[in-house]
Amino acid sequence: MTVIFGTGGGDGRTLARPLLRRAAGLAWGWSGELALERSPRGKPRFAVPGRWLSLSHSGGYALCALSDDGPVGVDIEVIRVHRANLPDYVLSPEEKARFDGSWEDFARLWTLKESWCKMQDVSLYPPREIVTPPGCPHRSYGGADWRAAVCCKGRPPEEIQWIRLPE
């Protein structure tokens, strides 16, 4: 099963590791320091076989996806205005055909692309050449000022479980 935990209210970068520890405790009853290693490309992963993770942060948000189904990728992006030509630079022709022109939709498409790359542990560059396969099990999520996506081997969770981290 794949689960996604999220938190907010601070610097997303500094929230990611505490969120991972808390999420692993909630999902699997783990406590203490987690045995982590890195893939050859640098992606964090559990040193325990049969468990996968993905982390993301943007602005004041952090997400942690955990899975025992297989590799997982998660991404969150705060919605903001970018350079006008950025969609032309990063979206594949297939994505461009589905793009409605809004920054909200750009964030949706970008998080799907990035979550797929994280799941596959492949480079995101050049971004225009990365095309998320249509059969990739995925789900998109959204809030007032953010969009997120997960790609996983099993069934994507219906929602993100938002939690508060201890101060």
N, C-alpha and C. Protein backbone atom coordinates (compact mmCIF):
# COMPACT_ATOMS: atom_id res chain seq x y z
N MET A 1 0.84 -1.17 0.00
CA MET A 1 0.00 0.00 0.00
C MET A 1 0.89 1.24 0.00
N THR A 2 0.43 2.27 -0.65
CA THR A 2 1.12 3.55 -0.66
C THR A 2 0.31 4.55 0.16
N VAL A 3 1.01 5.32 1.00
CA VAL A 3 0.39 6.38 1.79
C VAL A 3 1.22 7.65 1.60
N ILE A 4 0.56 8.78 1.71
CA ILE A 4 1.25 10.07 1.62
C ILE A 4 0.90 10.87 2.85
N PHE A 5 1.93 11.38 3.51
CA PHE A 5 1.77 12.28 4.65
C PHE A 5 2.28 13.65 4.24
N GLY A 6 1.61 14.67 4.73
CA GLY A 6 2.03 16.03 4.44
C GLY A 6 2.01 16.88 5.68
N THR A 7 2.82 17.93 5.65
CA THR A 7 2.82 18.90 6.73
C THR A 7 3.14 20.26 6.14
N GLY A 8 2.85 21.28 6.89
CA GLY A 8 3.13 22.64 6.43
C GLY A 8 3.28 23.57 7.60
N GLY A 9 3.56 24.81 7.26
CA GLY A 9 3.65 25.81 8.30
C GLY A 9 5.05 26.22 8.66
N GLY A 10 6.01 25.84 7.90
CA GLY A 10 7.39 26.23 8.15
C GLY A 10 8.15 26.20 6.85
N ASP A 11 9.43 25.97 6.93
CA ASP A 11 10.25 25.79 5.73
C ASP A 11 10.14 24.33 5.33
N GLY A 12 9.57 24.06 4.16
CA GLY A 12 9.37 22.70 3.70
C GLY A 12 10.64 21.87 3.72
N ARG A 13 11.77 22.50 3.39
CA ARG A 13 13.04 21.77 3.35
C ARG A 13 13.39 21.20 4.74
N THR A 14 13.17 22.00 5.78
CA THR A 14 13.52 21.53 7.13
C THR A 14 12.44 20.61 7.71
N LEU A 15 11.25 20.60 7.12
CA LEU A 15 10.18 19.74 7.60
C LEU A 15 10.26 18.32 7.04
N ALA A 16 10.96 18.13 5.92
CA ALA A 16 10.93 16.85 5.20
C ALA A 16 11.44 15.68 6.04
N ARG A 17 12.60 15.80 6.66
CA ARG A 17 13.16 14.67 7.42
C ARG A 17 12.35 14.36 8.69
N PRO A 18 11.95 15.37 9.47
CA PRO A 18 11.08 15.05 10.61
C PRO A 18 9.76 14.42 10.16
N LEU A 19 9.24 14.86 9.01
CA LEU A 19 8.01 14.26 8.49
C LEU A 19 8.24 12.80 8.14
N LEU A 20 9.37 12.48 7.53
CA LEU A 20 9.68 11.08 7.20
C LEU A 20 9.70 10.21 8.46
N ARG A 21 10.37 10.67 9.50
CA ARG A 21 10.42 9.89 10.74
C ARG A 21 9.01 9.66 11.32
N ARG A 22 8.23 10.73 11.36
CA ARG A 22 6.87 10.63 11.90
C ARG A 22 6.00 9.73 11.02
N ALA A 23 6.11 9.87 9.70
CA ALA A 23 5.31 9.07 8.78
C ALA A 23 5.64 7.58 8.90
N ALA A 24 6.94 7.25 8.99
CA ALA A 24 7.33 5.85 9.14
C ALA A 24 6.81 5.28 10.45
N GLY A 25 6.73 6.09 11.47
CA GLY A 25 6.15 5.65 12.74
C GLY A 25 4.66 5.39 12.60
N LEU A 26 3.95 6.31 11.96
CA LEU A 26 2.51 6.15 11.79
C LEU A 26 2.17 4.99 10.87
N ALA A 27 2.89 4.85 9.78
CA ALA A 27 2.56 3.82 8.79
C ALA A 27 3.00 2.42 9.22
N TRP A 28 4.20 2.33 9.80
CA TRP A 28 4.78 1.02 10.04
C TRP A 28 5.22 0.79 11.49
N GLY A 29 4.98 1.74 12.36
CA GLY A 29 5.36 1.59 13.76
C GLY A 29 6.86 1.74 14.02
N TRP A 30 7.59 2.28 13.07
CA TRP A 30 9.03 2.45 13.22
C TRP A 30 9.30 3.61 14.17
N SER A 31 10.40 3.52 14.90
CA SER A 31 10.80 4.61 15.78
C SER A 31 12.31 4.76 15.74
N GLY A 32 12.78 5.86 16.28
CA GLY A 32 14.21 6.13 16.30
C GLY A 32 14.73 6.55 14.94
N GLU A 33 16.04 6.47 14.79
CA GLU A 33 16.67 6.85 13.52
C GLU A 33 16.37 5.81 12.46
N LEU A 34 16.09 6.27 11.26
CA LEU A 34 15.78 5.37 10.15
C LEU A 34 17.06 5.00 9.41
N ALA A 35 17.14 3.74 9.00
CA ALA A 35 18.29 3.28 8.21
C ALA A 35 18.06 3.68 6.75
N LEU A 36 18.76 4.75 6.34
CA LEU A 36 18.62 5.26 4.97
C LEU A 36 19.94 5.11 4.23
N GLU A 37 19.80 4.99 2.92
CA GLU A 37 20.95 5.02 2.02
C GLU A 37 20.53 5.82 0.79
N ARG A 38 21.42 5.91 -0.17
CA ARG A 38 21.10 6.66 -1.40
C ARG A 38 21.29 5.75 -2.61
N SER A 39 20.43 5.97 -3.60
CA SER A 39 20.59 5.26 -4.87
C SER A 39 21.82 5.83 -5.59
N PRO A 40 22.28 5.19 -6.64
CA PRO A 40 23.43 5.75 -7.37
C PRO A 40 23.19 7.18 -7.88
N ARG A 41 21.91 7.54 -8.12
CA ARG A 41 21.60 8.91 -8.56
C ARG A 41 21.40 9.87 -7.37
N GLY A 42 21.41 9.34 -6.14
CA GLY A 42 21.30 10.19 -4.96
C GLY A 42 19.93 10.22 -4.30
N LYS A 43 18.97 9.46 -4.82
CA LYS A 43 17.64 9.43 -4.22
C LYS A 43 17.69 8.71 -2.88
N PRO A 44 17.12 9.31 -1.82
CA PRO A 44 17.10 8.61 -0.53
C PRO A 44 16.22 7.36 -0.62
N ARG A 45 16.65 6.31 0.06
CA ARG A 45 15.87 5.08 0.11
C ARG A 45 16.15 4.37 1.43
N PHE A 46 15.21 3.53 1.81
CA PHE A 46 15.39 2.75 3.02
C PHE A 46 16.43 1.66 2.77
N ALA A 47 17.23 1.37 3.79
CA ALA A 47 18.17 0.27 3.72
C ALA A 47 17.46 -1.06 3.98
N VAL A 48 16.17 -1.00 4.29
CA VAL A 48 15.33 -2.17 4.56
C VAL A 48 14.67 -2.62 3.26
N PRO A 49 14.85 -3.87 2.86
CA PRO A 49 14.21 -4.35 1.63
C PRO A 49 12.68 -4.31 1.74
N GLY A 50 12.04 -4.04 0.62
CA GLY A 50 10.58 -4.08 0.56
C GLY A 50 9.86 -2.84 1.05
N ARG A 51 10.60 -1.76 1.31
CA ARG A 51 9.99 -0.49 1.73
C ARG A 51 10.59 0.62 0.88
N TRP A 52 9.73 1.53 0.40
CA TRP A 52 10.18 2.62 -0.47
C TRP A 52 9.66 3.95 0.07
N LEU A 53 10.36 5.02 -0.30
CA LEU A 53 9.98 6.36 0.13
C LEU A 53 10.25 7.37 -0.96
N SER A 54 9.57 8.48 -0.85
CA SER A 54 9.85 9.64 -1.70
C SER A 54 9.50 10.88 -0.88
N LEU A 55 10.35 11.89 -0.98
CA LEU A 55 10.15 13.15 -0.27
C LEU A 55 10.05 14.30 -1.26
N SER A 56 9.32 15.32 -0.88
CA SER A 56 9.25 16.54 -1.67
C SER A 56 8.94 17.71 -0.75
N HIS A 57 9.40 18.88 -1.16
CA HIS A 57 9.06 20.09 -0.41
C HIS A 57 9.00 21.26 -1.37
N SER A 58 8.18 22.23 -1.03
CA SER A 58 8.06 23.46 -1.79
C SER A 58 7.46 24.51 -0.86
N GLY A 59 8.09 25.66 -0.82
CA GLY A 59 7.59 26.71 0.07
C GLY A 59 7.50 26.20 1.49
N GLY A 60 6.33 26.32 2.09
CA GLY A 60 6.13 25.91 3.46
C GLY A 60 5.55 24.51 3.61
N TYR A 61 5.60 23.69 2.55
CA TYR A 61 5.01 22.35 2.58
C TYR A 61 6.08 21.28 2.40
N ALA A 62 5.79 20.11 2.97
CA ALA A 62 6.61 18.92 2.75
C ALA A 62 5.67 17.73 2.62
N LEU A 63 6.04 16.79 1.74
CA LEU A 63 5.30 15.55 1.56
C LEU A 63 6.25 14.38 1.71
N CYS A 64 5.71 13.27 2.18
CA CYS A 64 6.44 12.02 2.30
C CYS A 64 5.52 10.91 1.82
N ALA A 65 5.94 10.19 0.79
CA ALA A 65 5.19 9.02 0.32
C ALA A 65 5.94 7.77 0.77
N LEU A 66 5.21 6.82 1.31
CA LEU A 66 5.76 5.55 1.76
C LEU A 66 5.01 4.43 1.05
N SER A 67 5.74 3.37 0.69
CA SER A 67 5.10 2.27 -0.01
C SER A 67 5.74 0.95 0.35
N ASP A 68 4.91 -0.09 0.39
CA ASP A 68 5.43 -1.44 0.46
C ASP A 68 5.03 -2.22 -0.79
N ASP A 69 4.51 -1.51 -1.80
CA ASP A 69 4.14 -2.10 -3.10
C ASP A 69 5.27 -2.04 -4.12
N GLY A 70 6.19 -1.11 -3.94
CA GLY A 70 7.25 -0.90 -4.91
C GLY A 70 7.65 0.56 -4.93
N PRO A 71 8.54 0.92 -5.83
CA PRO A 71 9.01 2.31 -5.88
C PRO A 71 7.86 3.31 -5.97
N VAL A 72 8.11 4.49 -5.40
CA VAL A 72 7.10 5.55 -5.34
C VAL A 72 7.79 6.88 -5.58
N GLY A 73 7.07 7.81 -6.15
CA GLY A 73 7.57 9.17 -6.32
C GLY A 73 6.47 10.15 -5.98
N VAL A 74 6.84 11.21 -5.27
CA VAL A 74 5.86 12.24 -4.90
C VAL A 74 6.49 13.60 -5.15
N ASP A 75 5.67 14.56 -5.52
CA ASP A 75 6.16 15.93 -5.71
C ASP A 75 5.07 16.90 -5.32
N ILE A 76 5.48 18.03 -4.74
CA ILE A 76 4.57 19.13 -4.41
C ILE A 76 5.21 20.41 -4.90
N GLU A 77 4.39 21.30 -5.43
CA GLU A 77 4.87 22.61 -5.89
C GLU A 77 3.87 23.68 -5.46
N VAL A 78 4.40 24.75 -4.89
CA VAL A 78 3.58 25.91 -4.61
C VAL A 78 3.29 26.58 -5.95
N ILE A 79 2.05 26.98 -6.16
CA ILE A 79 1.67 27.63 -7.41
C ILE A 79 2.23 29.04 -7.42
N ARG A 80 2.95 29.36 -8.49
CA ARG A 80 3.49 30.72 -8.63
C ARG A 80 3.66 31.03 -10.10
N VAL A 81 3.81 32.29 -10.39
CA VAL A 81 4.03 32.75 -11.76
C VAL A 81 5.50 32.50 -12.12
N HIS A 82 5.71 31.98 -13.31
CA HIS A 82 7.06 31.71 -13.83
C HIS A 82 7.29 32.55 -15.09
N ARG A 83 8.46 32.40 -15.67
CA ARG A 83 8.70 33.03 -16.98
C ARG A 83 7.66 32.51 -17.97
N ALA A 84 7.19 33.38 -18.84
CA ALA A 84 6.11 33.02 -19.77
C ALA A 84 6.49 31.84 -20.67
N ASN A 85 7.76 31.68 -21.02
CA ASN A 85 8.14 30.61 -21.94
C ASN A 85 8.50 29.30 -21.24
N LEU A 86 8.39 29.23 -19.94
CA LEU A 86 8.75 28.01 -19.22
C LEU A 86 7.95 26.79 -19.67
N PRO A 87 6.63 26.89 -19.84
CA PRO A 87 5.90 25.70 -20.31
C PRO A 87 6.43 25.17 -21.65
N ASP A 88 6.82 26.05 -22.55
CA ASP A 88 7.37 25.61 -23.83
C ASP A 88 8.68 24.86 -23.64
N TYR A 89 9.45 25.25 -22.63
CA TYR A 89 10.74 24.64 -22.37
C TYR A 89 10.63 23.28 -21.69
N VAL A 90 9.66 23.12 -20.77
CA VAL A 90 9.63 21.91 -19.95
C VAL A 90 8.54 20.91 -20.30
N LEU A 91 7.48 21.31 -20.96
CA LEU A 91 6.39 20.37 -21.25
C LEU A 91 6.61 19.66 -22.58
N SER A 92 6.39 18.35 -22.59
CA SER A 92 6.46 17.58 -23.83
C SER A 92 5.30 17.99 -24.73
N PRO A 93 5.35 17.66 -26.01
CA PRO A 93 4.20 17.97 -26.88
C PRO A 93 2.89 17.37 -26.37
N GLU A 94 2.95 16.16 -25.81
CA GLU A 94 1.74 15.53 -25.27
C GLU A 94 1.19 16.32 -24.08
N GLU A 95 2.08 16.77 -23.21
CA GLU A 95 1.65 17.57 -22.05
C GLU A 95 1.14 18.92 -22.51
N LYS A 96 1.82 19.51 -23.46
CA LYS A 96 1.42 20.83 -23.98
C LYS A 96 0.00 20.77 -24.54
N ALA A 97 -0.36 19.63 -25.16
CA ALA A 97 -1.71 19.47 -25.72
C ALA A 97 -2.78 19.43 -24.62
N ARG A 98 -2.40 19.01 -23.41
CA ARG A 98 -3.34 18.95 -22.29
C ARG A 98 -3.28 20.17 -21.38
N PHE A 99 -2.34 21.07 -21.62
CA PHE A 99 -2.10 22.24 -20.77
C PHE A 99 -3.14 23.32 -21.04
N ASP A 100 -3.81 23.80 -19.97
CA ASP A 100 -4.85 24.81 -20.16
C ASP A 100 -4.32 26.25 -20.10
N GLY A 101 -3.01 26.41 -19.90
CA GLY A 101 -2.40 27.74 -19.90
C GLY A 101 -2.30 28.40 -18.54
N SER A 102 -2.87 27.79 -17.50
CA SER A 102 -2.82 28.40 -16.16
C SER A 102 -1.61 27.88 -15.40
N TRP A 103 -1.16 28.67 -14.42
CA TRP A 103 -0.04 28.23 -13.59
C TRP A 103 -0.46 27.09 -12.67
N GLU A 104 -1.74 27.01 -12.33
CA GLU A 104 -2.24 25.88 -11.55
C GLU A 104 -2.08 24.58 -12.33
N ASP A 105 -2.45 24.62 -13.62
CA ASP A 105 -2.34 23.43 -14.45
C ASP A 105 -0.88 23.11 -14.75
N PHE A 106 -0.06 24.12 -14.89
CA PHE A 106 1.38 23.89 -15.07
C PHE A 106 1.94 23.13 -13.86
N ALA A 107 1.57 23.56 -12.66
CA ALA A 107 2.03 22.88 -11.44
C ALA A 107 1.53 21.44 -11.41
N ARG A 108 0.31 21.21 -11.85
CA ARG A 108 -0.23 19.84 -11.89
C ARG A 108 0.59 18.97 -12.83
N LEU A 109 0.83 19.46 -14.03
CA LEU A 109 1.60 18.68 -15.01
C LEU A 109 3.05 18.48 -14.56
N TRP A 110 3.65 19.52 -13.99
CA TRP A 110 5.03 19.41 -13.53
C TRP A 110 5.16 18.39 -12.40
N THR A 111 4.24 18.42 -11.43
CA THR A 111 4.35 17.48 -10.31
C THR A 111 4.16 16.04 -10.78
N LEU A 112 3.31 15.83 -11.77
CA LEU A 112 3.14 14.49 -12.32
C LEU A 112 4.44 14.02 -12.97
N LYS A 113 5.06 14.89 -13.76
CA LYS A 113 6.32 14.56 -14.43
C LYS A 113 7.41 14.27 -13.40
N GLU A 114 7.53 15.14 -12.40
CA GLU A 114 8.60 14.97 -11.42
C GLU A 114 8.35 13.74 -10.54
N SER A 115 7.10 13.47 -10.18
CA SER A 115 6.83 12.28 -9.36
C SER A 115 7.15 11.01 -10.13
N TRP A 116 6.87 10.98 -11.43
CA TRP A 116 7.20 9.81 -12.24
C TRP A 116 8.71 9.61 -12.31
N CYS A 117 9.46 10.69 -12.52
CA CYS A 117 10.92 10.59 -12.55
C CYS A 117 11.48 10.11 -11.22
N LYS A 118 10.91 10.59 -10.12
CA LYS A 118 11.36 10.13 -8.80
C LYS A 118 11.07 8.64 -8.62
N MET A 119 9.89 8.19 -9.04
CA MET A 119 9.55 6.78 -8.91
C MET A 119 10.54 5.92 -9.71
N GLN A 120 10.84 6.37 -10.92
CA GLN A 120 11.74 5.62 -11.80
C GLN A 120 13.22 5.83 -11.45
N ASP A 121 13.50 6.84 -10.63
CA ASP A 121 14.86 7.25 -10.28
C ASP A 121 15.66 7.56 -11.55
N VAL A 122 15.04 8.39 -12.41
CA VAL A 122 15.69 8.83 -13.65
C VAL A 122 15.79 10.35 -13.65
N SER A 123 16.67 10.85 -14.47
CA SER A 123 16.88 12.29 -14.58
C SER A 123 15.65 12.99 -15.13
N LEU A 124 15.43 14.18 -14.65
CA LEU A 124 14.32 15.02 -15.11
C LEU A 124 14.74 15.88 -16.30
N TYR A 125 15.96 15.76 -16.74
CA TYR A 125 16.47 16.63 -17.79
C TYR A 125 16.92 15.84 -18.99
N PRO A 126 16.65 16.36 -20.19
CA PRO A 126 15.89 17.58 -20.48
C PRO A 126 14.39 17.35 -20.28
N PRO A 127 13.74 18.24 -19.55
CA PRO A 127 12.35 18.00 -19.14
C PRO A 127 11.37 17.82 -20.30
N ARG A 128 11.57 18.49 -21.39
CA ARG A 128 10.63 18.39 -22.51
C ARG A 128 10.62 16.98 -23.09
N GLU A 129 11.71 16.23 -22.91
CA GLU A 129 11.80 14.88 -23.46
C GLU A 129 11.24 13.81 -22.52
N ILE A 130 10.92 14.19 -21.30
CA ILE A 130 10.34 13.25 -20.34
C ILE A 130 8.83 13.24 -20.55
N VAL A 131 8.30 12.08 -20.86
CA VAL A 131 6.86 11.93 -21.06
C VAL A 131 6.37 10.88 -20.07
N THR A 132 5.47 11.28 -19.20
CA THR A 132 4.91 10.35 -18.23
C THR A 132 4.02 9.36 -18.97
N PRO A 133 4.30 8.05 -18.83
CA PRO A 133 3.48 7.07 -19.55
C PRO A 133 2.02 7.14 -19.12
N PRO A 134 1.10 7.00 -20.06
CA PRO A 134 -0.33 7.08 -19.71
C PRO A 134 -0.76 6.01 -18.72
N GLY A 135 -0.11 4.85 -18.71
CA GLY A 135 -0.51 3.77 -17.80
C GLY A 135 0.09 3.86 -16.42
N CYS A 136 0.87 4.89 -16.15
CA CYS A 136 1.50 5.03 -14.84
C CYS A 136 0.42 5.25 -13.78
N PRO A 137 0.33 4.36 -12.76
CA PRO A 137 -0.65 4.63 -11.70
C PRO A 137 -0.26 5.93 -10.98
N HIS A 138 -1.14 6.90 -11.04
CA HIS A 138 -0.83 8.20 -10.44
C HIS A 138 -2.11 8.86 -9.96
N ARG A 139 -1.92 9.90 -9.17
CA ARG A 139 -3.04 10.74 -8.74
C ARG A 139 -2.49 12.13 -8.52
N SER A 140 -3.30 13.12 -8.84
CA SER A 140 -2.95 14.52 -8.57
C SER A 140 -3.80 15.02 -7.42
N TYR A 141 -3.23 15.96 -6.67
CA TYR A 141 -3.88 16.55 -5.50
C TYR A 141 -3.73 18.05 -5.59
N GLY A 142 -4.59 18.80 -4.91
CA GLY A 142 -4.46 20.24 -4.95
C GLY A 142 -5.05 20.92 -3.75
N GLY A 143 -4.45 22.06 -3.41
CA GLY A 143 -4.94 22.93 -2.36
C GLY A 143 -5.03 24.34 -2.91
N ALA A 144 -5.31 25.29 -2.08
CA ALA A 144 -5.49 26.67 -2.51
C ALA A 144 -4.26 27.22 -3.22
N ASP A 145 -3.06 26.88 -2.73
CA ASP A 145 -1.85 27.46 -3.31
C ASP A 145 -0.80 26.43 -3.70
N TRP A 146 -1.21 25.17 -3.88
CA TRP A 146 -0.25 24.11 -4.21
C TRP A 146 -0.91 23.04 -5.06
N ARG A 147 -0.07 22.28 -5.76
CA ARG A 147 -0.48 21.08 -6.47
C ARG A 147 0.55 20.00 -6.14
N ALA A 148 0.11 18.74 -6.16
CA ALA A 148 1.00 17.63 -5.86
C ALA A 148 0.58 16.43 -6.70
N ALA A 149 1.49 15.47 -6.82
CA ALA A 149 1.18 14.23 -7.54
C ALA A 149 2.00 13.10 -6.96
N VAL A 150 1.48 11.89 -7.13
CA VAL A 150 2.19 10.68 -6.75
C VAL A 150 2.13 9.71 -7.93
N CYS A 151 3.22 9.00 -8.15
CA CYS A 151 3.27 7.86 -9.07
C CYS A 151 3.75 6.68 -8.24
N CYS A 152 3.10 5.54 -8.40
CA CYS A 152 3.46 4.39 -7.59
C CYS A 152 3.15 3.10 -8.34
N LYS A 153 3.56 1.99 -7.79
CA LYS A 153 3.31 0.69 -8.41
C LYS A 153 1.91 0.18 -8.09
N GLY A 154 1.43 0.48 -6.92
CA GLY A 154 0.10 0.03 -6.51
C GLY A 154 -0.93 1.13 -6.76
N ARG A 155 -2.00 1.03 -6.04
CA ARG A 155 -3.08 2.01 -6.18
C ARG A 155 -2.72 3.29 -5.43
N PRO A 156 -2.78 4.44 -6.09
CA PRO A 156 -2.46 5.70 -5.40
C PRO A 156 -3.50 6.02 -4.32
N PRO A 157 -3.06 6.60 -3.21
CA PRO A 157 -4.02 6.95 -2.16
C PRO A 157 -5.00 8.02 -2.63
N GLU A 158 -6.18 7.96 -2.06
CA GLU A 158 -7.23 8.92 -2.40
C GLU A 158 -6.86 10.34 -1.95
N GLU A 159 -6.16 10.42 -0.81
CA GLU A 159 -5.84 11.75 -0.29
C GLU A 159 -4.53 11.74 0.47
N ILE A 160 -4.04 12.92 0.72
CA ILE A 160 -2.85 13.12 1.54
C ILE A 160 -3.30 13.20 3.00
N GLN A 161 -2.57 12.54 3.88
CA GLN A 161 -2.86 12.60 5.31
C GLN A 161 -2.02 13.74 5.90
N TRP A 162 -2.66 14.86 6.18
CA TRP A 162 -1.96 16.02 6.71
C TRP A 162 -1.80 15.85 8.22
N ILE A 163 -0.57 16.05 8.69
CA ILE A 163 -0.29 15.90 10.10
C ILE A 163 0.49 17.11 10.60
N ARG A 164 0.43 17.28 11.89
CA ARG A 164 1.20 18.32 12.56
C ARG A 164 2.43 17.69 13.19
N LEU A 165 3.57 18.26 12.96
CA LEU A 165 4.78 17.74 13.59
C LEU A 165 4.94 18.36 14.97
N PRO A 166 5.48 17.58 15.90
CA PRO A 166 5.75 18.16 17.23
C PRO A 166 6.74 19.31 17.11
N GLU A 167 6.56 20.32 17.93
CA GLU A 167 7.44 21.49 17.89
C GLU A 167 8.79 21.18 18.45
